[in-house]
Amino acid sequence: MSLRKKRNLKGLALDQSPIVGSQAESKDAPLNDLEIGVELRLDLRTEDLKHVDELGSGNGGVVNKVLHVPTNTIMARKVIHVDANPNVRKQIIRELQILHDCNSPHIVSFYGAFMTGGDICLCMEYMDLGSFDRIYKKNGPIPMNIVGKTSCAVLDGLIYLYDKHRIIHRDVKPSNILMNSSGLIKICDFGVSGVLINSMASTFVGTSNYMSPERIKGATYTVKSDVWSLGLTLMELALGRFPFPEGSAMSVFELMQFIVNEPSPTLPADQFPVPFVEFSFPVS
C-alpha cells in the first residue's frame, strides 16, 4: 500500500492518509486493521450500527456517531429523509457509490450507503474534532496559520473532486470542513448525487448565506461558485463570525439582496496580512 506524501505544513500533519488502488488487500479483514482510504464495500445494516452520540444536523440530515459492531469501528452516520419513490431512492444509492472511488487525504472517507424506510443512510469517516464552525464558535477566530493550512487542504480536495470525478462541491462552508486530532482537514457533504440534490431541494432550503451572487440570480452552478463560498468561509474562520450582516438584523431574503447588490466583503487590512486579504476575496 502506497502513501502519498504531501508537503508537511508546520504545526499540522497533512500527510497521513493513504492513497490506494481500487481494491482493498482483503475485504474480509477487520476494518481496524485497514487504513482510512481503502475502498471498503461493507454490508452495512441498521442493526449493526450502535448509536454513540449526536453530532449535529443540517443540509437535510441528522448526523450521529455510531459504532459498527461487526468491525468495532467508529463512524459518522448521516440520515437523510428523501420524499421520493423507492426507485428514485435506489438510484440515489447507486449514484452515491462513486464515493468509494474518492481517495484523497482531504476528502472524508466513505464506508457505504443504504436505505432504511424512507431514509438514505451514509456512513463516513468520523472526524473527532468536528467541523470548523463549531471549533471557532467554541475557541474564537482561527489562527492565521491554521486558516492557511485549511485553505490548502480544502483547495486540494476541491481540485481532486473536479479533476478526477468532475464533481463540484456545491456547499462549501465551515460546517462541511472537518478536522481530527491528528491534524487532518477534510471536506464532506459534496454534491455527488444529482438526484439526491434535486430531491432535497424540494424539501429543504439551501445554504443561501454562502451562495455566490450569480447563483442567487439563478445562473448555472460552476466551479466559480465554490470559489466564492470558499473565500467567504476563510473570512469567517479568520474573523470568528460570518462576514456579512446576519441574524435578527437581516432576513434571509434581505441578505441575498445584500450579497447581490453590495460589494464583496473585505478583511480589515490593518488586522490581516495583505496576501490573505487579497486571496480571500480579490478585487475584480
C-alpha atoms as a PDB file:
ATOM      1  CA  MET A   1       0.000   0.000   0.000  1.00  0.00           C
ATOM      2  CA  SER A   2       1.439   3.351  -1.003  1.00  0.00           C
ATOM      3  CA  LEU A   3       1.268   6.560   0.974  1.00  0.00           C
ATOM      4  CA  ARG A   4       1.110   9.774  -0.998  1.00  0.00           C
ATOM      5  CA  LYS A   5       3.327  12.399   0.619  1.00  0.00           C
ATOM      6  CA  LYS A   6       2.146  15.973   0.754  1.00  0.00           C
ATOM      7  CA  ARG A   7       4.326  18.899   1.732  1.00  0.00           C
ATOM      8  CA  ASN A   8       4.256  18.940   5.508  1.00  0.00           C
ATOM      9  CA  LEU A   9       2.923  22.254   6.775  1.00  0.00           C
ATOM     10  CA  LYS A  10       4.301  23.444  10.070  1.00  0.00           C
ATOM     11  CA  GLY A  11       2.118  22.572  13.020  1.00  0.00           C
ATOM     12  CA  LEU A  12      -0.359  20.406  11.159  1.00  0.00           C
ATOM     13  CA  ALA A  13       0.041  16.876   9.830  1.00  0.00           C
ATOM     14  CA  LEU A  14      -1.265  16.673   6.291  1.00  0.00           C
ATOM     15  CA  ASP A  15       0.375  13.501   5.026  1.00  0.00           C
ATOM     16  CA  GLN A  16      -1.146  10.664   6.998  1.00  0.00           C
ATOM     17  CA  SER A  17      -3.933   9.443   4.727  1.00  0.00           C
ATOM     18  CA  PRO A  18      -3.104   6.629   2.315  1.00  0.00           C
ATOM     19  CA  ILE A  19      -3.994   6.725  -1.367  1.00  0.00           C
ATOM     20  CA  VAL A  20      -4.580   3.220  -2.606  1.00  0.00           C
ATOM     21  CA  GLY A  21      -5.829   1.355  -5.612  1.00  0.00           C
ATOM     22  CA  SER A  22      -9.445   0.498  -6.184  1.00  0.00           C
ATOM     23  CA  GLN A  23      -9.227  -2.824  -4.394  1.00  0.00           C
ATOM     24  CA  ALA A  24      -8.530  -3.445  -0.716  1.00  0.00           C
ATOM     25  CA  GLU A  25      -5.981  -6.131   0.133  1.00  0.00           C
ATOM     26  CA  SER A  26      -8.632  -8.109   1.964  1.00  0.00           C
ATOM     27  CA  LYS A  27     -12.287  -7.268   2.094  1.00  0.00           C
ATOM     28  CA  ASP A  28     -12.742  -9.832   4.845  1.00  0.00           C
ATOM     29  CA  ALA A  29     -10.204  -8.191   7.164  1.00  0.00           C
ATOM     30  CA  PRO A  30     -11.474  -6.291  10.217  1.00  0.00           C
ATOM     31  CA  LEU A  31     -11.800  -2.596   9.463  1.00  0.00           C
ATOM     32  CA  ASN A  32      -9.493  -1.637  12.325  1.00  0.00           C
ATOM     33  CA  ASP A  33      -6.662  -3.493  10.568  1.00  0.00           C
ATOM     34  CA  LEU A  34      -7.073  -1.407   7.421  1.00  0.00           C
ATOM     35  CA  GLU A  35      -6.199   2.206   6.845  1.00  0.00           C
ATOM     36  CA  ILE A  36      -8.609   5.025   6.080  1.00  0.00           C
ATOM     37  CA  GLY A  37      -8.843   5.497   2.337  1.00  0.00           C
ATOM     38  CA  VAL A  38      -9.135   1.821   1.436  1.00  0.00           C
ATOM     39  CA  GLU A  39     -12.178   1.105  -0.659  1.00  0.00           C
ATOM     40  CA  LEU A  40     -14.474  -0.974   1.520  1.00  0.00           C
ATOM     41  CA  ARG A  41     -17.849  -2.156   0.325  1.00  0.00           C
ATOM     42  CA  LEU A  42     -19.261  -3.210   3.660  1.00  0.00           C
ATOM     43  CA  ASP A  43     -22.646  -4.825   4.021  1.00  0.00           C
ATOM     44  CA  LEU A  44     -23.977  -2.004   6.180  1.00  0.00           C
ATOM     45  CA  ARG A  45     -27.229  -2.570   8.042  1.00  0.00           C
ATOM     46  CA  THR A  46     -29.088  -0.562  10.659  1.00  0.00           C
ATOM     47  CA  GLU A  47     -28.960  -3.381  13.201  1.00  0.00           C
ATOM     48  CA  ASP A  48     -25.138  -3.436  13.047  1.00  0.00           C
ATOM     49  CA  LEU A  49     -24.812   0.268  13.940  1.00  0.00           C
ATOM     50  CA  LYS A  50     -24.882   1.154  17.641  1.00  0.00           C
ATOM     51  CA  HIS A  51     -25.742   4.768  18.470  1.00  0.00           C
ATOM     52  CA  VAL A  52     -22.995   6.519  20.454  1.00  0.00           C
ATOM     53  CA  ASP A  53     -23.706  10.244  20.293  1.00  0.00           C
ATOM     54  CA  GLU A  54     -25.485  13.034  18.425  1.00  0.00           C
ATOM     55  CA  LEU A  55     -23.123  15.064  16.238  1.00  0.00           C
ATOM     56  CA  GLY A  56     -25.487  17.604  14.704  1.00  0.00           C
ATOM     57  CA  SER A  57     -27.879  18.257  11.887  1.00  0.00           C
ATOM     58  CA  GLY A  58     -28.030  20.251   8.689  1.00  0.00           C
ATOM     59  CA  ASN A  59     -28.343  20.104   4.903  1.00  0.00           C
ATOM     60  CA  GLY A  60     -31.453  17.999   5.292  1.00  0.00           C
ATOM     61  CA  GLY A  61     -29.928  15.329   7.501  1.00  0.00           C
ATOM     62  CA  VAL A  62     -29.074  14.283  11.044  1.00  0.00           C
ATOM     63  CA  VAL A  63     -25.546  13.089  11.865  1.00  0.00           C
ATOM     64  CA  ASN A  64     -24.785  10.591  14.629  1.00  0.00           C
ATOM     65  CA  LYS A  65     -21.637   8.990  15.936  1.00  0.00           C
ATOM     66  CA  VAL A  66     -22.134   5.234  15.697  1.00  0.00           C
ATOM     67  CA  LEU A  67     -20.202   2.049  16.305  1.00  0.00           C
ATOM     68  CA  HIS A  68     -20.170  -0.512  13.500  1.00  0.00           C
ATOM     69  CA  VAL A  69     -20.306  -3.560  15.754  1.00  0.00           C
ATOM     70  CA  PRO A  70     -19.011  -6.251  13.315  1.00  0.00           C
ATOM     71  CA  THR A  71     -15.774  -4.309  12.724  1.00  0.00           C
ATOM     72  CA  ASN A  72     -15.639  -2.393  16.040  1.00  0.00           C
ATOM     73  CA  THR A  73     -15.244   0.838  14.080  1.00  0.00           C
ATOM     74  CA  ILE A  74     -16.494   4.301  14.968  1.00  0.00           C
ATOM     75  CA  MET A  75     -18.267   6.005  12.056  1.00  0.00           C
ATOM     76  CA  ALA A  76     -20.312   9.118  11.359  1.00  0.00           C
ATOM     77  CA  ARG A  77     -23.765   8.206  10.064  1.00  0.00           C
ATOM     78  CA  LYS A  78     -25.831  10.790   8.222  1.00  0.00           C
ATOM     79  CA  VAL A  79     -29.533  10.054   7.851  1.00  0.00           C
ATOM     80  CA  ILE A  80     -31.301  11.995   5.100  1.00  0.00           C
ATOM     81  CA  HIS A  81     -35.039  11.779   4.643  1.00  0.00           C
ATOM     82  CA  VAL A  82     -35.901  11.725   0.951  1.00  0.00           C
ATOM     83  CA  ASP A  83     -39.502  12.197  -0.105  1.00  0.00           C
ATOM     84  CA  ALA A  84     -39.270  10.037  -3.225  1.00  0.00           C
ATOM     85  CA  ASN A  85     -40.438   6.682  -4.514  1.00  0.00           C
ATOM     86  CA  PRO A  86     -38.313   3.548  -3.950  1.00  0.00           C
ATOM     87  CA  ASN A  87     -36.881   3.571  -7.483  1.00  0.00           C
ATOM     88  CA  VAL A  88     -35.584   7.116  -7.043  1.00  0.00           C
ATOM     89  CA  ARG A  89     -34.050   6.211  -3.688  1.00  0.00           C
ATOM     90  CA  LYS A  90     -32.339   3.213  -5.292  1.00  0.00           C
ATOM     91  CA  GLN A  91     -30.936   5.500  -7.993  1.00  0.00           C
ATOM     92  CA  ILE A  92     -29.559   7.789  -5.287  1.00  0.00           C
ATOM     93  CA  ILE A  93     -27.815   4.839  -3.632  1.00  0.00           C
ATOM     94  CA  ARG A  94     -26.272   3.869  -6.994  1.00  0.00           C
ATOM     95  CA  GLU A  95     -25.028   7.415  -7.600  1.00  0.00           C
ATOM     96  CA  LEU A  96     -23.510   7.578  -4.133  1.00  0.00           C
ATOM     97  CA  GLN A  97     -21.319   4.569  -4.883  1.00  0.00           C
ATOM     98  CA  ILE A  98     -18.884   6.875  -6.705  1.00  0.00           C
ATOM     99  CA  LEU A  99     -17.813   7.964  -3.230  1.00  0.00           C
ATOM    100  CA  HIS A 100     -15.985   4.632  -2.942  1.00  0.00           C
ATOM    101  CA  ASP A 101     -13.634   5.905  -5.649  1.00  0.00           C
ATOM    102  CA  CYS A 102     -12.901   9.244  -3.964  1.00  0.00           C
ATOM    103  CA  ASN A 103      -9.479   8.646  -2.419  1.00  0.00           C
ATOM    104  CA  SER A 104      -7.890  11.890  -1.266  1.00  0.00           C
ATOM    105  CA  PRO A 105      -6.263  12.905   2.022  1.00  0.00           C
ATOM    106  CA  HIS A 106      -8.643  15.871   2.110  1.00  0.00           C
ATOM    107  CA  ILE A 107     -11.914  14.060   1.391  1.00  0.00           C
ATOM    108  CA  VAL A 108     -13.787  12.311   4.212  1.00  0.00           C
ATOM    109  CA  SER A 109     -13.666   8.562   3.579  1.00  0.00           C
ATOM    110  CA  PHE A 110     -16.892   6.793   2.631  1.00  0.00           C
ATOM    111  CA  TYR A 111     -17.868   3.398   4.049  1.00  0.00           C
ATOM    112  CA  GLY A 112     -21.183   2.895   2.284  1.00  0.00           C
ATOM    113  CA  ALA A 113     -24.828   3.908   1.916  1.00  0.00           C
ATOM    114  CA  PHE A 114     -28.077   2.034   2.360  1.00  0.00           C
ATOM    115  CA  MET A 115     -31.818   2.634   2.585  1.00  0.00           C
ATOM    116  CA  THR A 116     -33.950   2.216   5.662  1.00  0.00           C
ATOM    117  CA  GLY A 117     -37.610   3.081   5.338  1.00  0.00           C
ATOM    118  CA  GLY A 118     -37.817   6.446   3.597  1.00  0.00           C
ATOM    119  CA  ASP A 119     -34.307   7.443   4.644  1.00  0.00           C
ATOM    120  CA  ILE A 120     -30.898   7.325   2.983  1.00  0.00           C
ATOM    121  CA  CYS A 121     -28.089   6.444   5.421  1.00  0.00           C
ATOM    122  CA  LEU A 122     -24.494   7.382   4.612  1.00  0.00           C
ATOM    123  CA  CYS A 123     -21.648   6.041   6.747  1.00  0.00           C
ATOM    124  CA  MET A 124     -18.440   8.050   6.687  1.00  0.00           C
ATOM    125  CA  GLU A 125     -15.145   8.525   8.465  1.00  0.00           C
ATOM    126  CA  TYR A 126     -15.542  10.012  11.945  1.00  0.00           C
ATOM    127  CA  MET A 127     -13.551  13.231  12.497  1.00  0.00           C
ATOM    128  CA  ASP A 128     -13.260  13.636  16.250  1.00  0.00           C
ATOM    129  CA  LEU A 129     -12.657  17.415  16.442  1.00  0.00           C
ATOM    130  CA  GLY A 130     -15.722  18.115  14.357  1.00  0.00           C
ATOM    131  CA  SER A 131     -16.472  20.950  11.978  1.00  0.00           C
ATOM    132  CA  PHE A 132     -14.767  24.324  11.800  1.00  0.00           C
ATOM    133  CA  ASP A 133     -17.928  26.250  12.585  1.00  0.00           C
ATOM    134  CA  ARG A 134     -18.089  24.527  15.962  1.00  0.00           C
ATOM    135  CA  ILE A 135     -14.347  24.923  16.504  1.00  0.00           C
ATOM    136  CA  TYR A 136     -14.316  28.698  16.030  1.00  0.00           C
ATOM    137  CA  LYS A 137     -17.591  29.231  17.916  1.00  0.00           C
ATOM    138  CA  LYS A 138     -16.046  27.444  20.888  1.00  0.00           C
ATOM    139  CA  ASN A 139     -12.494  28.815  20.692  1.00  0.00           C
ATOM    140  CA  GLY A 140     -12.782  32.101  18.823  1.00  0.00           C
ATOM    141  CA  PRO A 141     -11.223  33.144  15.486  1.00  0.00           C
ATOM    142  CA  ILE A 142      -8.991  30.537  13.869  1.00  0.00           C
ATOM    143  CA  PRO A 143      -5.262  31.493  13.899  1.00  0.00           C
ATOM    144  CA  MET A 144      -3.932  32.611  10.532  1.00  0.00           C
ATOM    145  CA  ASN A 145      -1.506  29.703  10.150  1.00  0.00           C
ATOM    146  CA  ILE A 146      -4.397  27.242  10.576  1.00  0.00           C
ATOM    147  CA  VAL A 147      -6.599  29.223   8.182  1.00  0.00           C
ATOM    148  CA  GLY A 148      -3.798  28.983   5.620  1.00  0.00           C
ATOM    149  CA  LYS A 149      -3.494  25.240   6.090  1.00  0.00           C
ATOM    150  CA  THR A 150      -7.252  24.896   5.871  1.00  0.00           C
ATOM    151  CA  SER A 151      -7.330  26.753   2.558  1.00  0.00           C
ATOM    152  CA  CYS A 152      -4.625  24.445   1.157  1.00  0.00           C
ATOM    153  CA  ALA A 153      -6.491  21.328   2.307  1.00  0.00           C
ATOM    154  CA  VAL A 154      -9.887  22.456   1.003  1.00  0.00           C
ATOM    155  CA  LEU A 155      -8.479  23.599  -2.339  1.00  0.00           C
ATOM    156  CA  ASP A 156      -6.654  20.279  -2.704  1.00  0.00           C
ATOM    157  CA  GLY A 157      -9.907  18.422  -2.033  1.00  0.00           C
ATOM    158  CA  LEU A 158     -11.950  20.586  -4.412  1.00  0.00           C
ATOM    159  CA  ILE A 159      -9.365  20.262  -7.182  1.00  0.00           C
ATOM    160  CA  TYR A 160      -9.284  16.485  -6.713  1.00  0.00           C
ATOM    161  CA  LEU A 161     -13.079  16.200  -6.892  1.00  0.00           C
ATOM    162  CA  TYR A 162     -13.290  18.205 -10.096  1.00  0.00           C
ATOM    163  CA  ASP A 163     -10.192  16.928 -11.887  1.00  0.00           C
ATOM    164  CA  LYS A 164     -10.741  13.240 -11.106  1.00  0.00           C
ATOM    165  CA  HIS A 165     -14.524  12.955 -10.922  1.00  0.00           C
ATOM    166  CA  ARG A 166     -15.939  16.184 -12.408  1.00  0.00           C
ATOM    167  CA  ILE A 167     -17.742  16.808  -9.114  1.00  0.00           C
ATOM    168  CA  ILE A 168     -18.486  20.351  -7.946  1.00  0.00           C
ATOM    169  CA  HIS A 169     -18.905  20.542  -4.176  1.00  0.00           C
ATOM    170  CA  ARG A 170     -21.903  22.946  -4.187  1.00  0.00           C
ATOM    171  CA  ASP A 171     -21.967  23.540  -0.428  1.00  0.00           C
ATOM    172  CA  VAL A 172     -18.587  24.830   0.794  1.00  0.00           C
ATOM    173  CA  LYS A 173     -18.960  26.281   4.298  1.00  0.00           C
ATOM    174  CA  PRO A 174     -17.319  25.900   7.726  1.00  0.00           C
ATOM    175  CA  SER A 175     -19.695  23.122   8.841  1.00  0.00           C
ATOM    176  CA  ASN A 176     -18.589  20.995   5.860  1.00  0.00           C
ATOM    177  CA  ILE A 177     -14.886  21.265   6.701  1.00  0.00           C
ATOM    178  CA  LEU A 178     -13.836  18.778   9.378  1.00  0.00           C
ATOM    179  CA  MET A 179     -10.714  18.196  11.450  1.00  0.00           C
ATOM    180  CA  ASN A 180      -9.405  15.346  13.571  1.00  0.00           C
ATOM    181  CA  SER A 181      -6.917  15.133  16.435  1.00  0.00           C
ATOM    182  CA  SER A 182      -4.167  14.068  14.011  1.00  0.00           C
ATOM    183  CA  GLY A 183      -4.434  17.500  12.403  1.00  0.00           C
ATOM    184  CA  LEU A 184      -6.033  16.263   9.197  1.00  0.00           C
ATOM    185  CA  ILE A 185      -8.504  18.611   7.496  1.00  0.00           C
ATOM    186  CA  LYS A 186     -11.136  17.124   5.178  1.00  0.00           C
ATOM    187  CA  ILE A 187     -14.248  18.230   3.310  1.00  0.00           C
ATOM    188  CA  CYS A 188     -17.585  16.443   3.343  1.00  0.00           C
ATOM    189  CA  ASP A 189     -21.144  16.753   2.001  1.00  0.00           C
ATOM    190  CA  PHE A 190     -20.289  17.400  -1.636  1.00  0.00           C
ATOM    191  CA  GLY A 191     -22.885  17.119  -4.393  1.00  0.00           C
ATOM    192  CA  VAL A 192     -22.135  13.708  -5.869  1.00  0.00           C
ATOM    193  CA  SER A 193     -25.753  12.702  -6.475  1.00  0.00           C
ATOM    194  CA  GLY A 194     -27.802  14.946  -8.736  1.00  0.00           C
ATOM    195  CA  VAL A 195     -30.968  13.016  -7.906  1.00  0.00           C
ATOM    196  CA  LEU A 196     -30.352  13.480  -4.172  1.00  0.00           C
ATOM    197  CA  ILE A 197     -29.719  17.213  -4.642  1.00  0.00           C
ATOM    198  CA  ASN A 198     -32.957  17.585  -6.596  1.00  0.00           C
ATOM    199  CA  SER A 199     -34.915  15.507  -4.080  1.00  0.00           C
ATOM    200  CA  MET A 200     -33.643  17.572  -1.153  1.00  0.00           C
ATOM    201  CA  ALA A 201     -34.227  20.846  -2.991  1.00  0.00           C
ATOM    202  CA  SER A 202     -37.965  20.236  -2.902  1.00  0.00           C
ATOM    203  CA  THR A 203     -37.903  19.810   0.870  1.00  0.00           C
ATOM    204  CA  PHE A 204     -35.008  21.793   2.323  1.00  0.00           C
ATOM    205  CA  VAL A 205     -33.785  25.348   1.844  1.00  0.00           C
ATOM    206  CA  GLY A 206     -30.186  25.543   0.656  1.00  0.00           C
ATOM    207  CA  THR A 207     -27.388  27.362   2.463  1.00  0.00           C
ATOM    208  CA  SER A 208     -28.182  30.762   0.979  1.00  0.00           C
ATOM    209  CA  ASN A 209     -25.656  32.554   3.215  1.00  0.00           C
ATOM    210  CA  TYR A 210     -22.782  31.092   1.210  1.00  0.00           C
ATOM    211  CA  MET A 211     -24.315  31.292  -2.259  1.00  0.00           C
ATOM    212  CA  SER A 212     -22.444  33.365  -4.820  1.00  0.00           C
ATOM    213  CA  PRO A 213     -24.205  36.380  -6.386  1.00  0.00           C
ATOM    214  CA  GLU A 214     -24.596  34.611  -9.734  1.00  0.00           C
ATOM    215  CA  ARG A 215     -26.235  31.597  -8.058  1.00  0.00           C
ATOM    216  CA  ILE A 216     -28.675  33.819  -6.189  1.00  0.00           C
ATOM    217  CA  LYS A 217     -29.600  35.353  -9.551  1.00  0.00           C
ATOM    218  CA  GLY A 218     -30.270  31.873 -10.970  1.00  0.00           C
ATOM    219  CA  ALA A 219     -27.134  31.234 -13.025  1.00  0.00           C
ATOM    220  CA  THR A 220     -25.800  27.697 -13.523  1.00  0.00           C
ATOM    221  CA  TYR A 221     -23.627  26.346 -10.736  1.00  0.00           C
ATOM    222  CA  THR A 222     -19.930  26.332 -11.703  1.00  0.00           C
ATOM    223  CA  VAL A 223     -16.562  25.924 -10.008  1.00  0.00           C
ATOM    224  CA  LYS A 224     -16.530  29.707  -9.541  1.00  0.00           C
ATOM    225  CA  SER A 225     -19.469  29.342  -7.168  1.00  0.00           C
ATOM    226  CA  ASP A 226     -17.385  27.063  -4.941  1.00  0.00           C
ATOM    227  CA  VAL A 227     -14.539  29.603  -5.068  1.00  0.00           C
ATOM    228  CA  TRP A 228     -16.864  32.332  -3.785  1.00  0.00           C
ATOM    229  CA  SER A 229     -18.097  30.094  -0.954  1.00  0.00           C
ATOM    230  CA  LEU A 230     -14.524  29.178   0.000  1.00  0.00           C
ATOM    231  CA  GLY A 231     -13.483  32.842   0.141  1.00  0.00           C
ATOM    232  CA  LEU A 232     -16.427  33.623   2.396  1.00  0.00           C
ATOM    233  CA  THR A 233     -15.622  30.588   4.547  1.00  0.00           C
ATOM    234  CA  LEU A 234     -11.966  31.558   5.037  1.00  0.00           C
ATOM    235  CA  MET A 235     -13.005  35.073   6.030  1.00  0.00           C
ATOM    236  CA  GLU A 236     -15.466  33.640   8.547  1.00  0.00           C
ATOM    237  CA  LEU A 237     -12.803  31.446  10.139  1.00  0.00           C
ATOM    238  CA  ALA A 238     -10.358  34.354  10.380  1.00  0.00           C
ATOM    239  CA  LEU A 239     -12.920  36.804  11.783  1.00  0.00           C
ATOM    240  CA  GLY A 240     -14.728  34.347  14.030  1.00  0.00           C
ATOM    241  CA  ARG A 241     -18.059  35.472  12.599  1.00  0.00           C
ATOM    242  CA  PHE A 242     -19.991  35.495   9.335  1.00  0.00           C
ATOM    243  CA  PRO A 243     -18.559  38.323   7.150  1.00  0.00           C
ATOM    244  CA  PHE A 244     -21.942  39.707   6.059  1.00  0.00           C
ATOM    245  CA  PRO A 245     -24.554  41.209   8.409  1.00  0.00           C
ATOM    246  CA  GLU A 246     -26.754  38.400   9.697  1.00  0.00           C
ATOM    247  CA  GLY A 247     -29.076  37.338  12.456  1.00  0.00           C
ATOM    248  CA  SER A 248     -32.044  39.398  13.540  1.00  0.00           C
ATOM    249  CA  ALA A 249     -30.781  42.465  11.674  1.00  0.00           C
ATOM    250  CA  MET A 250     -31.423  40.930   8.262  1.00  0.00           C
ATOM    251  CA  SER A 251     -33.822  38.327   6.873  1.00  0.00           C
ATOM    252  CA  VAL A 252     -32.649  35.583   4.522  1.00  0.00           C
ATOM    253  CA  PHE A 253     -34.046  37.422   1.512  1.00  0.00           C
ATOM    254  CA  GLU A 254     -32.539  40.730   2.635  1.00  0.00           C
ATOM    255  CA  LEU A 255     -29.171  39.011   2.984  1.00  0.00           C
ATOM    256  CA  MET A 256     -29.477  37.541  -0.513  1.00  0.00           C
ATOM    257  CA  GLN A 257     -30.227  41.000  -1.909  1.00  0.00           C
ATOM    258  CA  PHE A 258     -27.279  42.381   0.040  1.00  0.00           C
ATOM    259  CA  ILE A 259     -24.929  39.752  -1.438  1.00  0.00           C
ATOM    260  CA  VAL A 260     -26.111  40.515  -4.975  1.00  0.00           C
ATOM    261  CA  ASN A 261     -26.146  44.303  -4.783  1.00  0.00           C
ATOM    262  CA  GLU A 262     -23.392  45.263  -2.351  1.00  0.00           C
ATOM    263  CA  PRO A 263     -19.598  44.990  -2.789  1.00  0.00           C
ATOM    264  CA  SER A 264     -17.883  41.763  -1.732  1.00  0.00           C
ATOM    265  CA  PRO A 265     -16.837  41.728   1.931  1.00  0.00           C
ATOM    266  CA  THR A 266     -13.228  42.540   2.760  1.00  0.00           C
ATOM    267  CA  LEU A 267     -10.982  41.805   5.701  1.00  0.00           C
ATOM    268  CA  PRO A 268      -9.534  44.719   7.688  1.00  0.00           C
ATOM    269  CA  ALA A 269      -6.132  45.347   6.096  1.00  0.00           C
ATOM    270  CA  ASP A 270      -4.709  46.509   9.426  1.00  0.00           C
ATOM    271  CA  GLN A 271      -5.542  43.188  11.102  1.00  0.00           C
ATOM    272  CA  PHE A 272      -4.579  40.617   8.461  1.00  0.00           C
ATOM    273  CA  PRO A 273      -1.659  40.082   6.070  1.00  0.00           C
ATOM    274  CA  VAL A 274      -2.245  41.758   2.708  1.00  0.00           C
ATOM    275  CA  PRO A 275      -1.713  38.490   0.722  1.00  0.00           C
ATOM    276  CA  PHE A 276      -4.504  36.808   2.691  1.00  0.00           C
ATOM    277  CA  VAL A 277      -6.818  39.806   2.319  1.00  0.00           C
ATOM    278  CA  GLU A 278      -6.318  39.672  -1.456  1.00  0.00           C
ATOM    279  CA  PHE A 279      -6.524  35.867  -1.598  1.00  0.00           C
ATOM    280  CA  SER A 280      -9.804  35.525   0.298  1.00  0.00           C
ATOM    281  CA  PHE A 281     -11.654  37.979  -1.954  1.00  0.00           C
ATOM    282  CA  PRO A 282      -9.530  39.534  -4.721  1.00  0.00           C
ATOM    283  CA  VAL A 283     -10.758  42.848  -6.024  1.00  0.00           C
ATOM    284  CA  SER A 284     -12.175  42.417  -9.543  1.00  0.00           C
END
